[in-house]
Amino acid sequence: LGVERAALQDQVAREKATLEAARSSRVKEREQFLAECLEEKRQLAVERAELGRARESASTEEVKTRERVLEMETRIAKETAKHEADKRYVAEMRAALAEEREKVAAE
């Protein structure tokens, strides 16, 4: 009876050790999984911040480009108006010159 009891106690002790090892293994796996989740969360936060900066930069670039386009359009409009004024002046001068030639030729 004493031997059976000792054998039974040994078996119970081995089963407890096996269960404790399994529990410990599960705890380690869970800790590893949580660590991986936290790292993934950190990486996602970094990516989100980078995307935010990239979006802000792209928005700033778009505004700068629109401003440059507006400046160029304004400059083109001014140059076109100046060119048209110069063409009118040249046409007036040609007409005046032609009139002067006619007067000289008529004398």
PDB file of N, CA and C in Angstrom:
ATOM      1  N   LEU A   1       0.822  -1.188   0.000  1.00  0.00           N
ATOM      2  CA  LEU A   1       0.000   0.000   0.000  1.00  0.00           C
ATOM      3  C   LEU A   1       0.874   1.264   0.000  1.00  0.00           C
ATOM      4  N   GLY A   2       1.956   1.230   0.757  1.00  0.00           N
ATOM      5  CA  GLY A   2       2.883   2.360   0.813  1.00  0.00           C
ATOM      6  C   GLY A   2       3.571   2.589  -0.513  1.00  0.00           C
ATOM      7  N   VAL A   3       3.892   1.471  -1.235  1.00  0.00           N
ATOM      8  CA  VAL A   3       4.574   1.579  -2.536  1.00  0.00           C
ATOM      9  C   VAL A   3       3.609   2.156  -3.560  1.00  0.00           C
ATOM     10  N   GLU A   4       2.379   1.688  -3.537  1.00  0.00           N
ATOM     11  CA  GLU A   4       1.378   2.198  -4.486  1.00  0.00           C
ATOM     12  C   GLU A   4       1.135   3.681  -4.259  1.00  0.00           C
ATOM     13  N   ARG A   5       1.080   4.024  -2.975  1.00  0.00           N
ATOM     14  CA  ARG A   5       0.841   5.429  -2.649  1.00  0.00           C
ATOM     15  C   ARG A   5       2.019   6.285  -3.133  1.00  0.00           C
ATOM     16  N   ALA A   6       3.216   5.840  -2.966  1.00  0.00           N
ATOM     17  CA  ALA A   6       4.403   6.567  -3.405  1.00  0.00           C
ATOM     18  C   ALA A   6       4.417   6.668  -4.933  1.00  0.00           C
ATOM     19  N   ALA A   7       4.048   5.576  -5.600  1.00  0.00           N
ATOM     20  CA  ALA A   7       3.997   5.583  -7.063  1.00  0.00           C
ATOM     21  C   ALA A   7       2.938   6.570  -7.541  1.00  0.00           C
ATOM     22  N   LEU A   8       1.790   6.570  -6.868  1.00  0.00           N
ATOM     23  CA  LEU A   8       0.704   7.477  -7.213  1.00  0.00           C
ATOM     24  C   LEU A   8       1.129   8.927  -6.978  1.00  0.00           C
ATOM     25  N   GLN A   9       1.840   9.169  -5.880  1.00  0.00           N
ATOM     26  CA  GLN A   9       2.320  10.521  -5.594  1.00  0.00           C
ATOM     27  C   GLN A   9       3.340  10.959  -6.653  1.00  0.00           C
ATOM     28  N   ASP A  10       4.211  10.030  -7.077  1.00  0.00           N
ATOM     29  CA  ASP A  10       5.176  10.337  -8.136  1.00  0.00           C
ATOM     30  C   ASP A  10       4.455  10.677  -9.439  1.00  0.00           C
ATOM     31  N   GLN A  11       3.438   9.888  -9.767  1.00  0.00           N
ATOM     32  CA  GLN A  11       2.667  10.105 -11.000  1.00  0.00           C
ATOM     33  C   GLN A  11       1.978  11.473 -10.943  1.00  0.00           C
ATOM     34  N   VAL A  12       1.373  11.787  -9.794  1.00  0.00           N
ATOM     35  CA  VAL A  12       0.707  13.084  -9.622  1.00  0.00           C
ATOM     36  C   VAL A  12       1.740  14.209  -9.750  1.00  0.00           C
ATOM     37  N   ALA A  13       2.898  14.028  -9.164  1.00  0.00           N
ATOM     38  CA  ALA A  13       3.952  15.038  -9.237  1.00  0.00           C
ATOM     39  C   ALA A  13       4.410  15.240 -10.680  1.00  0.00           C
ATOM     40  N   ARG A  14       4.571  14.122 -11.428  1.00  0.00           N
ATOM     41  CA  ARG A  14       4.962  14.236 -12.853  1.00  0.00           C
ATOM     42  C   ARG A  14       3.881  14.952 -13.646  1.00  0.00           C
ATOM     43  N   GLU A  15       2.619  14.606 -13.409  1.00  0.00           N
ATOM     44  CA  GLU A  15       1.520  15.256 -14.130  1.00  0.00           C
ATOM     45  C   GLU A  15       1.464  16.741 -13.798  1.00  0.00           C
ATOM     46  N   LYS A  16       1.677  17.097 -12.500  1.00  0.00           N
ATOM     47  CA  LYS A  16       1.715  18.506 -12.105  1.00  0.00           C
ATOM     48  C   LYS A  16       2.852  19.222 -12.821  1.00  0.00           C
ATOM     49  N   ALA A  17       4.015  18.578 -12.890  1.00  0.00           N
ATOM     50  CA  ALA A  17       5.170  19.175 -13.561  1.00  0.00           C
ATOM     51  C   ALA A  17       4.874  19.367 -15.048  1.00  0.00           C
ATOM     52  N   THR A  18       4.223  18.366 -15.674  1.00  0.00           N
ATOM     53  CA  THR A  18       3.865  18.460 -17.096  1.00  0.00           C
ATOM     54  C   THR A  18       2.879  19.603 -17.310  1.00  0.00           C
ATOM     55  N   LEU A  19       1.869  19.680 -16.436  1.00  0.00           N
ATOM     56  CA  LEU A  19       0.878  20.753 -16.544  1.00  0.00           C
ATOM     57  C   LEU A  19       1.523  22.118 -16.326  1.00  0.00           C
ATOM     58  N   GLU A  20       2.401  22.200 -15.350  1.00  0.00           N
ATOM     59  CA  GLU A  20       3.094  23.466 -15.071  1.00  0.00           C
ATOM     60  C   GLU A  20       3.975  23.869 -16.255  1.00  0.00           C
ATOM     61  N   ALA A  21       4.656  22.871 -16.855  1.00  0.00           N
ATOM     62  CA  ALA A  21       5.491  23.154 -18.027  1.00  0.00           C
ATOM     63  C   ALA A  21       4.617  23.637 -19.184  1.00  0.00           C
ATOM     64  N   ALA A  22       3.459  22.982 -19.379  1.00  0.00           N
ATOM     65  CA  ALA A  22       2.546  23.390 -20.449  1.00  0.00           C
ATOM     66  C   ALA A  22       2.018  24.799 -20.182  1.00  0.00           C
ATOM     67  N   ARG A  23       1.649  25.074 -18.935  1.00  0.00           N
ATOM     68  CA  ARG A  23       1.151  26.396 -18.549  1.00  0.00           C
ATOM     69  C   ARG A  23       2.239  27.444 -18.774  1.00  0.00           C
ATOM     70  N   SER A  24       3.425  27.140 -18.349  1.00  0.00           N
ATOM     71  CA  SER A  24       4.555  28.052 -18.516  1.00  0.00           C
ATOM     72  C   SER A  24       4.812  28.310 -19.998  1.00  0.00           C
ATOM     73  N   SER A  25       4.735  27.260 -20.792  1.00  0.00           N
ATOM     74  CA  SER A  25       4.932  27.390 -22.239  1.00  0.00           C
ATOM     75  C   SER A  25       3.854  28.292 -22.843  1.00  0.00           C
ATOM     76  N   ARG A  26       2.591  28.091 -22.419  1.00  0.00           N
ATOM     77  CA  ARG A  26       1.489  28.934 -22.916  1.00  0.00           C
ATOM     78  C   ARG A  26       1.688  30.382 -22.508  1.00  0.00           C
ATOM     79  N   VAL A  27       2.158  30.613 -21.279  1.00  0.00           N
ATOM     80  CA  VAL A  27       2.404  31.975 -20.809  1.00  0.00           C
ATOM     81  C   VAL A  27       3.492  32.624 -21.667  1.00  0.00           C
ATOM     82  N   LYS A  28       4.562  31.880 -21.947  1.00  0.00           N
ATOM     83  CA  LYS A  28       5.642  32.415 -22.784  1.00  0.00           C
ATOM     84  C   LYS A  28       5.151  32.710 -24.198  1.00  0.00           C
ATOM     85  N   GLU A  29       4.343  31.791 -24.752  1.00  0.00           N
ATOM     86  CA  GLU A  29       3.792  32.004 -26.093  1.00  0.00           C
ATOM     87  C   GLU A  29       2.911  33.254 -26.109  1.00  0.00           C
ATOM     88  N   ARG A  30       2.098  33.403 -25.072  1.00  0.00           N
ATOM     89  CA  ARG A  30       1.204  34.569 -24.990  1.00  0.00           C
ATOM     90  C   ARG A  30       2.033  35.852 -24.868  1.00  0.00           C
ATOM     91  N   GLU A  31       3.062  35.838 -24.032  1.00  0.00           N
ATOM     92  CA  GLU A  31       3.921  37.009 -23.890  1.00  0.00           C
ATOM     93  C   GLU A  31       4.594  37.346 -25.217  1.00  0.00           C
ATOM     94  N   GLN A  32       5.058  36.321 -25.936  1.00  0.00           N
ATOM     95  CA  GLN A  32       5.692  36.535 -27.244  1.00  0.00           C
ATOM     96  C   GLN A  32       4.687  37.117 -28.229  1.00  0.00           C
ATOM     97  N   PHE A  33       3.477  36.564 -28.225  1.00  0.00           N
ATOM     98  CA  PHE A  33       2.427  37.052 -29.118  1.00  0.00           C
ATOM     99  C   PHE A  33       2.104  38.510 -28.796  1.00  0.00           C
ATOM    100  N   LEU A  34       1.973  38.844 -27.510  1.00  0.00           N
ATOM    101  CA  LEU A  34       1.689  40.229 -27.114  1.00  0.00           C
ATOM    102  C   LEU A  34       2.839  41.154 -27.508  1.00  0.00           C
ATOM    103  N   ALA A  35       4.059  40.681 -27.350  1.00  0.00           N
ATOM    104  CA  ALA A  35       5.215  41.492 -27.752  1.00  0.00           C
ATOM    105  C   ALA A  35       5.185  41.743 -29.261  1.00  0.00           C
ATOM    106  N   GLU A  36       4.856  40.724 -30.035  1.00  0.00           N
ATOM    107  CA  GLU A  36       4.759  40.892 -31.492  1.00  0.00           C
ATOM    108  C   GLU A  36       3.638  41.860 -31.844  1.00  0.00           C
ATOM    109  N   CYS A  37       2.510  41.747 -31.130  1.00  0.00           N
ATOM    110  CA  CYS A  37       1.383  42.667 -31.379  1.00  0.00           C
ATOM    111  C   CYS A  37       1.784  44.108 -31.058  1.00  0.00           C
ATOM    112  N   LEU A  38       2.477  44.313 -29.953  1.00  0.00           N
ATOM    113  CA  LEU A  38       2.918  45.654 -29.588  1.00  0.00           C
ATOM    114  C   LEU A  38       3.899  46.213 -30.610  1.00  0.00           C
ATOM    115  N   GLU A  39       4.803  45.361 -31.091  1.00  0.00           N
ATOM    116  CA  GLU A  39       5.762  45.809 -32.113  1.00  0.00           C
ATOM    117  C   GLU A  39       5.027  46.180 -33.405  1.00  0.00           C
ATOM    118  N   GLU A  40       4.072  45.366 -33.785  1.00  0.00           N
ATOM    119  CA  GLU A  40       3.273  45.657 -34.989  1.00  0.00           C
ATOM    120  C   GLU A  40       2.508  46.964 -34.811  1.00  0.00           C
ATOM    121  N   LYS A  41       1.957  47.165 -33.627  1.00  0.00           N
ATOM    122  CA  LYS A  41       1.219  48.398 -33.340  1.00  0.00           C
ATOM    123  C   LYS A  41       2.158  49.600 -33.421  1.00  0.00           C
ATOM    124  N   ARG A  42       3.372  49.452 -32.889  1.00  0.00           N
ATOM    125  CA  ARG A  42       4.355  50.530 -32.949  1.00  0.00           C
ATOM    126  C   ARG A  42       4.727  50.845 -34.402  1.00  0.00           C
ATOM    127  N   GLN A  43       4.954  49.785 -35.187  1.00  0.00           N
ATOM    128  CA  GLN A  43       5.308  49.982 -36.597  1.00  0.00           C
ATOM    129  C   GLN A  43       4.165  50.661 -37.351  1.00  0.00           C
ATOM    130  N   LEU A  44       2.935  50.264 -37.053  1.00  0.00           N
ATOM    131  CA  LEU A  44       1.787  50.895 -37.706  1.00  0.00           C
ATOM    132  C   LEU A  44       1.685  52.376 -37.328  1.00  0.00           C
ATOM    133  N   ALA A  45       1.975  52.686 -36.077  1.00  0.00           N
ATOM    134  CA  ALA A  45       1.956  54.086 -35.642  1.00  0.00           C
ATOM    135  C   ALA A  45       3.024  54.888 -36.387  1.00  0.00           C
ATOM    136  N   VAL A  46       4.210  54.297 -36.566  1.00  0.00           N
ATOM    137  CA  VAL A  46       5.280  54.967 -37.307  1.00  0.00           C
ATOM    138  C   VAL A  46       4.850  55.178 -38.757  1.00  0.00           C
ATOM    139  N   GLU A  47       4.278  54.148 -39.366  1.00  0.00           N
ATOM    140  CA  GLU A  47       3.821  54.265 -40.759  1.00  0.00           C
ATOM    141  C   GLU A  47       2.725  55.315 -40.875  1.00  0.00           C
ATOM    142  N   ARG A  48       1.805  55.338 -39.924  1.00  0.00           N
ATOM    143  CA  ARG A  48       0.719  56.322 -39.950  1.00  0.00           C
ATOM    144  C   ARG A  48       1.299  57.731 -39.868  1.00  0.00           C
ATOM    145  N   ALA A  49       2.287  57.918 -38.990  1.00  0.00           N
ATOM    146  CA  ALA A  49       2.925  59.235 -38.872  1.00  0.00           C
ATOM    147  C   ALA A  49       3.636  59.609 -40.165  1.00  0.00           C
ATOM    148  N   GLU A  50       4.340  58.648 -40.765  1.00  0.00           N
ATOM    149  CA  GLU A  50       5.037  58.913 -42.034  1.00  0.00           C
ATOM    150  C   GLU A  50       4.050  59.267 -43.133  1.00  0.00           C
ATOM    151  N   LEU A  51       2.932  58.550 -43.176  1.00  0.00           N
ATOM    152  CA  LEU A  51       1.911  58.858 -44.181  1.00  0.00           C
ATOM    153  C   LEU A  51       1.327  60.250 -43.960  1.00  0.00           C
ATOM    154  N   GLY A  52       1.133  60.600 -42.698  1.00  0.00           N
ATOM    155  CA  GLY A  52       0.626  61.938 -42.390  1.00  0.00           C
ATOM    156  C   GLY A  52       1.589  63.013 -42.861  1.00  0.00           C
ATOM    157  N   ARG A  53       2.880  62.794 -42.606  1.00  0.00           N
ATOM    158  CA  ARG A  53       3.888  63.758 -43.056  1.00  0.00           C
ATOM    159  C   ARG A  53       3.933  63.812 -44.584  1.00  0.00           C
ATOM    160  N   ALA A  54       3.850  62.649 -45.217  1.00  0.00           N
ATOM    161  CA  ALA A  54       3.880  62.611 -46.686  1.00  0.00           C
ATOM    162  C   ALA A  54       2.664  63.331 -47.268  1.00  0.00           C
ATOM    163  N   ARG A  55       1.509  63.111 -46.644  1.00  0.00           N
ATOM    164  CA  ARG A  55       0.289  63.775 -47.120  1.00  0.00           C
ATOM    165  C   ARG A  55       0.413  65.287 -46.939  1.00  0.00           C
ATOM    166  N   GLU A  56       0.943  65.711 -45.796  1.00  0.00           N
ATOM    167  CA  GLU A  56       1.133  67.139 -45.534  1.00  0.00           C
ATOM    168  C   GLU A  56       2.113  67.738 -46.540  1.00  0.00           C
ATOM    169  N   SER A  57       3.191  67.003 -46.802  1.00  0.00           N
ATOM    170  CA  SER A  57       4.187  67.470 -47.770  1.00  0.00           C
ATOM    171  C   SER A  57       3.578  67.577 -49.164  1.00  0.00           C
ATOM    172  N   ALA A  58       2.803  66.558 -49.539  1.00  0.00           N
ATOM    173  CA  ALA A  58       2.167  66.578 -50.864  1.00  0.00           C
ATOM    174  C   ALA A  58       1.188  67.742 -50.961  1.00  0.00           C
ATOM    175  N   SER A  59       0.461  67.992 -49.890  1.00  0.00           N
ATOM    176  CA  SER A  59      -0.485  69.098 -49.883  1.00  0.00           C
ATOM    177  C   SER A  59       0.251  70.430 -50.012  1.00  0.00           C
ATOM    178  N   THR A  60       1.356  70.561 -49.289  1.00  0.00           N
ATOM    179  CA  THR A  60       2.162  71.777 -49.371  1.00  0.00           C
ATOM    180  C   THR A  60       2.715  71.953 -50.782  1.00  0.00           C
ATOM    181  N   GLU A  61       3.209  70.865 -51.370  1.00  0.00           N
ATOM    182  CA  GLU A  61       3.728  70.917 -52.742  1.00  0.00           C
ATOM    183  C   GLU A  61       2.626  71.327 -53.715  1.00  0.00           C
ATOM    184  N   GLU A  62       1.432  70.789 -53.521  1.00  0.00           N
ATOM    185  CA  GLU A  62       0.319  71.130 -54.406  1.00  0.00           C
ATOM    186  C   GLU A  62       0.011  72.622 -54.316  1.00  0.00           C
ATOM    187  N   VAL A  63      -0.010  73.160 -53.094  1.00  0.00           N
ATOM    188  CA  VAL A  63      -0.277  74.585 -52.910  1.00  0.00           C
ATOM    189  C   VAL A  63       0.806  75.415 -53.586  1.00  0.00           C
ATOM    190  N   LYS A  64       2.072  75.025 -53.404  1.00  0.00           N
ATOM    191  CA  LYS A  64       3.177  75.755 -54.033  1.00  0.00           C
ATOM    192  C   LYS A  64       3.064  75.712 -55.551  1.00  0.00           C
ATOM    193  N   THR A  65       2.715  74.527 -56.084  1.00  0.00           N
ATOM    194  CA  THR A  65       2.578  74.388 -57.539  1.00  0.00           C
ATOM    195  C   THR A  65       1.439  75.255 -58.053  1.00  0.00           C
ATOM    196  N   ARG A  66       0.323  75.255 -57.338  1.00  0.00           N
ATOM    197  CA  ARG A  66      -0.806  76.108 -57.760  1.00  0.00           C
ATOM    198  C   ARG A  66      -0.410  77.584 -57.735  1.00  0.00           C
ATOM    199  N   GLU A  67       0.350  77.975 -56.717  1.00  0.00           N
ATOM    200  CA  GLU A  67       0.804  79.366 -56.636  1.00  0.00           C
ATOM    201  C   GLU A  67       1.710  79.708 -57.810  1.00  0.00           C
ATOM    202  N   ARG A  68       2.625  78.782 -58.159  1.00  0.00           N
ATOM    203  CA  ARG A  68       3.522  79.023 -59.302  1.00  0.00           C
ATOM    204  C   ARG A  68       2.727  79.129 -60.603  1.00  0.00           C
ATOM    205  N   VAL A  69       1.728  78.242 -60.750  1.00  0.00           N
ATOM    206  CA  VAL A  69       0.894  78.284 -61.965  1.00  0.00           C
ATOM    207  C   VAL A  69       0.163  79.625 -62.040  1.00  0.00           C
ATOM    208  N   LEU A  70      -0.395  80.073 -60.916  1.00  0.00           N
ATOM    209  CA  LEU A  70      -1.108  81.350 -60.887  1.00  0.00           C
ATOM    210  C   LEU A  70      -0.163  82.498 -61.221  1.00  0.00           C
ATOM    211  N   GLU A  71       1.051  82.457 -60.664  1.00  0.00           N
ATOM    212  CA  GLU A  71       2.047  83.492 -60.974  1.00  0.00           C
ATOM    213  C   GLU A  71       2.376  83.500 -62.467  1.00  0.00           C
ATOM    214  N   MET A  72       2.568  82.310 -63.032  1.00  0.00           N
ATOM    215  CA  MET A  72       2.887  82.218 -64.460  1.00  0.00           C
ATOM    216  C   MET A  72       1.718  82.722 -65.312  1.00  0.00           C
ATOM    217  N   GLU A  73       0.494  82.347 -64.941  1.00  0.00           N
ATOM    218  CA  GLU A  73      -0.669  82.806 -65.704  1.00  0.00           C
ATOM    219  C   GLU A  73      -0.794  84.327 -65.639  1.00  0.00           C
ATOM    220  N   THR A  74      -0.534  84.886 -64.467  1.00  0.00           N
ATOM    221  CA  THR A  74      -0.579  86.349 -64.303  1.00  0.00           C
ATOM    222  C   THR A  74       0.497  87.007 -65.156  1.00  0.00           C
ATOM    223  N   ARG A  75       1.685  86.427 -65.113  1.00  0.00           N
ATOM    224  CA  ARG A  75       2.795  86.969 -65.905  1.00  0.00           C
ATOM    225  C   ARG A  75       2.496  86.873 -67.400  1.00  0.00           C
ATOM    226  N   ILE A  76       1.939  85.749 -67.817  1.00  0.00           N
ATOM    227  CA  ILE A  76       1.584  85.576 -69.239  1.00  0.00           C
ATOM    228  C   ILE A  76       0.539  86.602 -69.641  1.00  0.00           C
ATOM    229  N   ALA A  77      -0.457  86.810 -68.772  1.00  0.00           N
ATOM    230  CA  ALA A  77      -1.509  87.792 -69.076  1.00  0.00           C
ATOM    231  C   ALA A  77      -0.909  89.193 -69.210  1.00  0.00           C
ATOM    232  N   LYS A  78       0.022  89.549 -68.305  1.00  0.00           N
ATOM    233  CA  LYS A  78       0.667  90.868 -68.380  1.00  0.00           C
ATOM    234  C   LYS A  78       1.489  90.999 -69.656  1.00  0.00           C
ATOM    235  N   GLU A  79       2.269  89.967 -69.963  1.00  0.00           N
ATOM    236  CA  GLU A  79       3.100  90.000 -71.167  1.00  0.00           C
ATOM    237  C   GLU A  79       2.234  90.062 -72.427  1.00  0.00           C
ATOM    238  N   THR A  80       1.125  89.334 -72.428  1.00  0.00           N
ATOM    239  CA  THR A  80       0.217  89.355 -73.584  1.00  0.00           C
ATOM    240  C   THR A  80      -0.380  90.750 -73.758  1.00  0.00           C
ATOM    241  N   ALA A  81      -0.799  91.362 -72.645  1.00  0.00           N
ATOM    242  CA  ALA A  81      -1.368  92.715 -72.710  1.00  0.00           C
ATOM    243  C   ALA A  81      -0.309  93.704 -73.208  1.00  0.00           C
ATOM    244  N   LYS A  82       0.921  93.574 -72.721  1.00  0.00           N
ATOM    245  CA  LYS A  82       2.005  94.457 -73.164  1.00  0.00           C
ATOM    246  C   LYS A  82       2.282  94.254 -74.654  1.00  0.00           C
ATOM    247  N   HIS A  83       2.288  92.998 -75.080  1.00  0.00           N
ATOM    248  CA  HIS A  83       2.527  92.691 -76.491  1.00  0.00           C
ATOM    249  C   HIS A  83       1.428  93.311 -77.357  1.00  0.00           C
ATOM    250  N   GLU A  84       0.181  93.168 -76.920  1.00  0.00           N
ATOM    251  CA  GLU A  84      -0.935  93.744 -77.689  1.00  0.00           C
ATOM    252  C   GLU A  84      -0.803  95.268 -77.751  1.00  0.00           C
ATOM    253  N   ALA A  85      -0.409  95.896 -76.642  1.00  0.00           N
ATOM    254  CA  ALA A  85      -0.222  97.353 -76.635  1.00  0.00           C
ATOM    255  C   ALA A  85       0.908  97.736 -77.587  1.00  0.00           C
ATOM    256  N   ASP A  86       1.993  96.965 -77.556  1.00  0.00           N
ATOM    257  CA  ASP A  86       3.107  97.240 -78.479  1.00  0.00           C
ATOM    258  C   ASP A  86       2.669  97.075 -79.922  1.00  0.00           C
ATOM    259  N   LYS A  87       1.866  96.059 -80.218  1.00  0.00           N
ATOM    260  CA  LYS A  87       1.376  95.857 -81.595  1.00  0.00           C
ATOM    261  C   LYS A  87       0.510  97.042 -82.028  1.00  0.00           C
ATOM    262  N   ARG A  88      -0.342  97.518 -81.119  1.00  0.00           N
ATOM    263  CA  ARG A  88      -1.176  98.679 -81.470  1.00  0.00           C
ATOM    264  C   ARG A  88      -0.305  99.915 -81.729  1.00  0.00           C
ATOM    265  N   TYR A  89       0.700 100.107 -80.892  1.00  0.00           N
ATOM    266  CA  TYR A  89       1.598 101.252 -81.057  1.00  0.00           C
ATOM    267  C   TYR A  89       2.324 101.172 -82.405  1.00  0.00           C
ATOM    268  N   VAL A  90       2.833  99.966 -82.739  1.00  0.00           N
ATOM    269  CA  VAL A  90       3.530  99.788 -84.016  1.00  0.00           C
ATOM    270  C   VAL A  90       2.565 100.043 -85.176  1.00  0.00           C
ATOM    271  N   ALA A  91       1.337  99.558 -85.062  1.00  0.00           N
ATOM    272  CA  ALA A  91       0.352  99.775 -86.129  1.00  0.00           C
ATOM    273  C   ALA A  91       0.053 101.265 -86.279  1.00  0.00           C
ATOM    274  N   GLU A  92      -0.073 101.965 -85.134  1.00  0.00           N
ATOM    275  CA  GLU A  92      -0.319 103.417 -85.183  1.00  0.00           C
ATOM    276  C   GLU A  92       0.867 104.142 -85.806  1.00  0.00           C
ATOM    277  N   MET A  93       2.069 103.711 -85.446  1.00  0.00           N
ATOM    278  CA  MET A  93       3.269 104.343 -85.999  1.00  0.00           C
ATOM    279  C   MET A  93       3.360 104.087 -87.496  1.00  0.00           C
ATOM    280  N   ARG A  94       3.038 102.888 -87.939  1.00  0.00           N
ATOM    281  CA  ARG A  94       3.065 102.585 -89.374  1.00  0.00           C
ATOM    282  C   ARG A  94       2.046 103.441 -90.118  1.00  0.00           C
ATOM    283  N   ALA A  95       0.860 103.546 -89.513  1.00  0.00           N
ATOM    284  CA  ALA A  95      -0.176 104.361 -90.156  1.00  0.00           C
ATOM    285  C   ALA A  95       0.280 105.820 -90.237  1.00  0.00           C
ATOM    286  N   ALA A  96       0.866 106.317 -89.150  1.00  0.00           N
ATOM    287  CA  ALA A  96       1.351 107.704 -89.143  1.00  0.00           C
ATOM    288  C   ALA A  96       2.476 107.871 -90.154  1.00  0.00           C
ATOM    289  N   LEU A  97       3.365 106.879 -90.240  1.00  0.00           N
ATOM    290  CA  LEU A  97       4.468 106.930 -91.188  1.00  0.00           C
ATOM    291  C   LEU A  97       3.943 106.906 -92.627  1.00  0.00           C
ATOM    292  N   ALA A  98       2.953 106.053 -92.868  1.00  0.00           N
ATOM    293  CA  ALA A  98       2.375 105.982 -94.215  1.00  0.00           C
ATOM    294  C   ALA A  98       1.710 107.309 -94.569  1.00  0.00           C
ATOM    295  N   GLU A  99       1.042 107.914 -93.607  1.00  0.00           N
ATOM    296  CA  GLU A  99       0.385 109.206 -93.840  1.00  0.00           C
ATOM    297  C   GLU A  99       1.435 110.289 -94.132  1.00  0.00           C
ATOM    298  N   GLU A 100       2.538 110.249 -93.378  1.00  0.00           N
ATOM    299  CA  GLU A 100       3.628 111.207 -93.581  1.00  0.00           C
ATOM    300  C   GLU A 100       4.244 111.026 -94.958  1.00  0.00           C
ATOM    301  N   ARG A 101       4.415 109.759 -95.382  1.00  0.00           N
ATOM    302  CA  ARG A 101       4.962 109.500 -96.736  1.00  0.00           C
ATOM    303  C   ARG A 101       4.031 110.071 -97.803  1.00  0.00           C
ATOM    304  N   GLU A 102       2.755 109.866 -97.589  1.00  0.00           N
ATOM    305  CA  GLU A 102       1.795 110.401 -98.594  1.00  0.00           C
ATOM    306  C   GLU A 102       1.877 111.912 -98.669  1.00  0.00           C
ATOM    307  N   LYS A 103       2.017 112.562 -97.504  1.00  0.00           N
ATOM    308  CA  LYS A 103       2.125 114.033 -97.489  1.00  0.00           C
ATOM    309  C   LYS A 103       3.380 114.485 -98.224  1.00  0.00           C
ATOM    310  N   VAL A 104       4.499 113.768 -97.926  1.00  0.00           N
ATOM    311  CA  VAL A 104       5.779 114.128 -98.552  1.00  0.00           C
ATOM    312  C   VAL A 104       5.683 113.894-100.061  1.00  0.00           C
ATOM    313  N   ALA A 105       5.072 112.777-100.436  1.00  0.00           N
ATOM    314  CA  ALA A 105       4.952 112.458-101.866  1.00  0.00           C
ATOM    315  C   ALA A 105       4.041 113.450-102.573  1.00  0.00           C
ATOM    316  N   ALA A 106       3.059 113.996-101.875  1.00  0.00           N
ATOM    317  CA  ALA A 106       2.109 114.921-102.466  1.00  0.00           C
ATOM    318  C   ALA A 106       2.731 116.306-102.649  1.00  0.00           C
ATOM    319  N   GLU A 107       3.765 116.647-101.935  1.00  0.00           N
ATOM    320  CA  GLU A 107       4.380 117.983-102.013  1.00  0.00           C
ATOM    321  C   GLU A 107       5.219 118.150-103.188  1.00  0.00           C
TER     322      GLU A 107
END
